C-alpha atoms as a PDB file:
ATOM      1  CA  GLY A   1     240.757 -26.714 -65.281  1.00  0.00           C
ATOM      2  CA  ARG A   2     241.305 -29.677 -63.012  1.00  0.00           C
ATOM      3  CA  LEU A   3     240.162 -33.163 -63.848  1.00  0.00           C
ATOM      4  CA  VAL A   4     238.884 -35.384 -61.043  1.00  0.00           C
ATOM      5  CA  LYS A   5     240.340 -38.832 -61.618  1.00  0.00           C
ATOM      6  CA  ARG A   6     239.015 -40.490 -58.492  1.00  0.00           C
ATOM      7  CA  LEU A   7     236.063 -39.608 -56.280  1.00  0.00           C
ATOM      8  CA  LEU A   8     236.587 -40.240 -52.570  1.00  0.00           C
ATOM      9  CA  LEU A   9     233.551 -41.276 -50.575  1.00  0.00           C
ATOM     10  CA  ASP A  10     232.671 -39.171 -47.551  1.00  0.00           C
ATOM     11  CA  SER A  11     232.675 -42.144 -45.187  1.00  0.00           C
ATOM     12  CA  TYR A  12     233.609 -39.874 -42.279  1.00  0.00           C
ATOM     13  CA  ALA A  13     230.200 -38.189 -42.628  1.00  0.00           C
ATOM     14  CA  ASP A  14     228.334 -41.504 -42.830  1.00  0.00           C
ATOM     15  CA  PRO A  15     225.901 -41.742 -39.881  1.00  0.00           C
ATOM     16  CA  CYS A  16     227.012 -45.346 -39.258  1.00  0.00           C
ATOM     17  CA  TYR A  17     230.274 -43.946 -37.908  1.00  0.00           C
ATOM     18  CA  GLU A  18     230.927 -41.712 -34.949  1.00  0.00           C
ATOM     19  CA  SER A  19     231.812 -38.203 -36.088  1.00  0.00           C
ATOM     20  CA  LEU A  20     233.813 -35.677 -34.102  1.00  0.00           C
ATOM     21  CA  GLN A  21     231.999 -32.366 -33.600  1.00  0.00           C
ATOM     22  CA  GLY A  22     234.221 -30.327 -31.277  1.00  0.00           C
ATOM     23  CA  VAL A  23     236.814 -30.168 -28.508  1.00  0.00           C
ATOM     24  CA  ASP A  24     236.859 -28.012 -25.370  1.00  0.00           C
ATOM     25  CA  TYR A  25     239.583 -27.732 -22.722  1.00  0.00           C
ATOM     26  CA  GLU A  26     238.914 -27.235 -18.999  1.00  0.00           C
ATOM     27  CA  SER A  27     242.120 -25.732 -17.571  1.00  0.00           C
ATOM     28  CA  ASP A  28     241.261 -26.069 -13.858  1.00  0.00           C
ATOM     29  CA  LEU A  29     240.816 -29.847 -14.159  1.00  0.00           C
ATOM     30  CA  ASP A  30     243.228 -30.351 -17.098  1.00  0.00           C
ATOM     31  CA  ILE A  31     240.514 -32.259 -18.991  1.00  0.00           C
ATOM     32  CA  LEU A  32     239.565 -32.350 -22.674  1.00  0.00           C
ATOM     33  CA  ALA A  33     235.858 -32.574 -23.522  1.00  0.00           C
ATOM     34  CA  VAL A  34     235.383 -34.170 -26.945  1.00  0.00           C
ATOM     35  CA  THR A  35     231.930 -33.949 -28.538  1.00  0.00           C
ATOM     36  CA  SER A  36     230.869 -36.625 -31.008  1.00  0.00           C
ATOM     37  CA  VAL A  37     227.674 -37.791 -32.719  1.00  0.00           C
ATOM     38  CA  THR A  38     226.482 -41.317 -33.539  1.00  0.00           C
ATOM     39  CA  GLN A  39     223.413 -42.793 -35.201  1.00  0.00           C
ATOM     40  CA  SER A  40     221.010 -44.539 -32.816  1.00  0.00           C
ATOM     41  CA  GLY A  41     218.062 -46.016 -34.675  1.00  0.00           C
ATOM     42  CA  ASP A  42     216.503 -43.171 -36.658  1.00  0.00           C
ATOM     43  CA  LYS A  43     218.003 -40.274 -34.687  1.00  0.00           C
ATOM     44  CA  LEU A  44     221.418 -38.753 -34.031  1.00  0.00           C
ATOM     45  CA  VAL A  45     222.759 -38.867 -30.477  1.00  0.00           C
ATOM     46  CA  GLY A  46     225.411 -36.510 -29.071  1.00  0.00           C
ATOM     47  CA  HIS A  47     228.094 -37.691 -26.649  1.00  0.00           C
ATOM     48  CA  VAL A  48     230.700 -35.835 -24.612  1.00  0.00           C
ATOM     49  CA  CYS A  49     233.820 -37.803 -23.714  1.00  0.00           C
ATOM     50  CA  PHE A  50     236.118 -36.522 -20.982  1.00  0.00           C
ATOM     51  CA  HIS A  51     239.809 -37.295 -21.455  1.00  0.00           C
ATOM     52  CA  ASP A  52     242.801 -36.692 -19.197  1.00  0.00           C
ATOM     53  CA  ASN A  53     244.918 -34.067 -20.995  1.00  0.00           C
ATOM     54  CA  GLN A  54     248.237 -35.597 -19.917  1.00  0.00           C
ATOM     55  CA  THR A  55     247.585 -39.264 -20.764  1.00  0.00           C
ATOM     56  CA  GLY A  56     244.628 -39.098 -23.168  1.00  0.00           C
ATOM     57  CA  ALA A  57     242.828 -41.729 -21.064  1.00  0.00           C
ATOM     58  CA  LEU A  58     239.024 -41.762 -21.245  1.00  0.00           C
ATOM     59  CA  LEU A  59     237.675 -40.659 -17.867  1.00  0.00           C
ATOM     60  CA  ASN A  60     233.949 -40.618 -18.583  1.00  0.00           C
ATOM     61  CA  ARG A  61     231.393 -40.549 -21.399  1.00  0.00           C
ATOM     62  CA  VAL A  62     228.086 -38.680 -21.110  1.00  0.00           C
ATOM     63  CA  GLU A  63     225.203 -39.068 -23.564  1.00  0.00           C
ATOM     64  CA  LEU A  64     223.312 -35.843 -24.191  1.00  0.00           C
ATOM     65  CA  GLU A  65     219.605 -36.222 -23.476  1.00  0.00           C
ATOM     66  CA  GLU A  66     218.330 -33.927 -26.224  1.00  0.00           C
ATOM     67  CA  ALA A  67     218.298 -35.191 -29.816  1.00  0.00           C
ATOM     68  CA  TRP A  68     221.119 -33.916 -32.018  1.00  0.00           C
ATOM     69  CA  ASP A  69     219.811 -31.959 -35.009  1.00  0.00           C
ATOM     70  CA  GLU A  70     222.357 -31.785 -37.820  1.00  0.00           C
ATOM     71  CA  THR A  71     220.758 -28.625 -39.258  1.00  0.00           C
ATOM     72  CA  CYS A  72     221.608 -26.649 -36.093  1.00  0.00           C
ATOM     73  CA  ASP A  73     224.853 -25.128 -34.842  1.00  0.00           C
ATOM     74  CA  HIS A  74     226.023 -26.792 -31.611  1.00  0.00           C
ATOM     75  CA  THR A  75     228.480 -25.431 -29.044  1.00  0.00           C
ATOM     76  CA  ILE A  76     229.687 -27.365 -25.998  1.00  0.00           C
ATOM     77  CA  CYS A  77     231.413 -25.541 -23.116  1.00  0.00           C
ATOM     78  CA  LEU A  78     232.827 -27.110 -19.956  1.00  0.00           C
ATOM     79  CA  ASP A  79     233.552 -25.247 -16.717  1.00  0.00           C
ATOM     80  CA  LEU A  80     234.497 -27.415 -13.726  1.00  0.00           C
ATOM     81  CA  ASP A  81     231.422 -29.620 -13.136  1.00  0.00           C
ATOM     82  CA  THR A  82     229.051 -27.717 -15.459  1.00  0.00           C
ATOM     83  CA  LEU A  83     228.524 -28.649 -19.094  1.00  0.00           C
ATOM     84  CA  VAL A  84     226.656 -26.160 -21.316  1.00  0.00           C
ATOM     85  CA  HIS A  85     225.196 -27.176 -24.688  1.00  0.00           C
ATOM     86  CA  ILE A  86     224.045 -24.227 -26.810  1.00  0.00           C
ATOM     87  CA  VAL A  87     221.986 -24.961 -29.926  1.00  0.00           C
ATOM     88  CA  LYS A  88     221.277 -22.338 -32.612  1.00  0.00           C
ATOM     89  CA  THR A  89     218.473 -23.356 -34.972  1.00  0.00           C
ATOM     90  CA  PRO A  90     218.258 -22.273 -38.630  1.00  0.00           C
ATOM     91  CA  GLN A  91     215.475 -19.869 -37.557  1.00  0.00           C
ATOM     92  CA  ARG A  92     218.028 -18.145 -35.258  1.00  0.00           C
ATOM     93  CA  ARG A  93     216.453 -19.432 -32.042  1.00  0.00           C
ATOM     94  CA  PHE A  94     218.800 -20.407 -29.228  1.00  0.00           C
ATOM     95  CA  HIS A  95     218.366 -23.305 -26.812  1.00  0.00           C
ATOM     96  CA  CYS A  96     220.650 -23.714 -23.821  1.00  0.00           C
ATOM     97  CA  TYR A  97     220.981 -27.055 -22.018  1.00  0.00           C
ATOM     98  CA  VAL A  98     222.900 -27.059 -18.736  1.00  0.00           C
ATOM     99  CA  TYR A  99     224.225 -30.293 -17.233  1.00  0.00           C
ATOM    100  CA  LYS A 100     225.592 -30.501 -13.712  1.00  0.00           C
ATOM    101  CA  LEU A 101     227.997 -33.443 -13.714  1.00  0.00           C
ATOM    102  CA  ASP A 102     227.650 -35.535 -10.588  1.00  0.00           C
ATOM    103  CA  ARG A 103     229.740 -38.690 -11.049  1.00  0.00           C
ATOM    104  CA  THR A 104     233.266 -39.564 -10.089  1.00  0.00           C
ATOM    105  CA  VAL A 105     235.757 -41.374 -12.322  1.00  0.00           C
ATOM    106  CA  GLY A 106     235.602 -44.533 -10.191  1.00  0.00           C
ATOM    107  CA  ASP A 107     231.862 -44.949 -10.873  1.00  0.00           C
ATOM    108  CA  MET A 108     232.485 -45.542 -14.585  1.00  0.00           C
ATOM    109  CA  GLU A 109     233.689 -49.128 -14.066  1.00  0.00           C
ATOM    110  CA  GLU A 110     230.896 -49.962 -11.615  1.00  0.00           C
ATOM    111  CA  LYS A 111     227.967 -48.813 -13.791  1.00  0.00           C
ATOM    112  CA  PRO A 112     228.487 -49.428 -17.517  1.00  0.00           C
ATOM    113  CA  HIS A 113     224.911 -48.427 -18.491  1.00  0.00           C
ATOM    114  CA  ARG A 114     224.004 -44.983 -19.842  1.00  0.00           C
ATOM    115  CA  GLN A 115     224.808 -42.139 -17.451  1.00  0.00           C
ATOM    116  CA  THR A 116     223.857 -38.506 -17.873  1.00  0.00           C
ATOM    117  CA  GLY A 117     224.220 -35.368 -15.863  1.00  0.00           C
ATOM    118  CA  LYS A 118     221.311 -33.363 -14.490  1.00  0.00           C
ATOM    119  CA  ARG A 119     219.840 -31.118 -17.182  1.00  0.00           C
ATOM    120  CA  ARG A 120     218.135 -27.747 -17.166  1.00  0.00           C
ATOM    121  CA  LYS A 121     216.682 -26.169 -20.304  1.00  0.00           C
ATOM    122  CA  SER A 122     216.069 -22.547 -21.090  1.00  0.00           C
ATOM    123  CA  THR A 123     214.939 -21.079 -24.383  1.00  0.00           C
ATOM    124  CA  ARG A 124     215.669 -17.567 -25.612  1.00  0.00           C
ATOM    125  CA  ARG A 125     214.836 -15.979 -28.934  1.00  0.00           C
ATOM    126  CA  GLY A 126     217.623 -14.573 -31.119  1.00  0.00           C
ATOM    127  CA  ARG A 127     217.469 -11.093 -32.576  1.00  0.00           C
END
């Protein structure tokens, strides 16, 4: 068999660092939505960063209002100005969070404090 000579630490999974969770592409706006998670106190916080697909420049960063549970499956979808966050719990329950994005790119420099979209929540049981 193989012999492990050196053990690498999983520093990428350390909650002190920001970890990448997923990428979605919005073709109408030519924008990439990158989902990441960071540690904030004793809880995990999800963020969605919007990047220009041509230049890679950061256009906006939105903090998700709901707590990020690492035991759940998370899916982020972007369609024009609507961001959908679908969470599947280990008990096979689904939660859907809908954000309607309402800021322009120019507002990012004017207001550096936390900005979020409007959120609607619906819960539906899995089969």
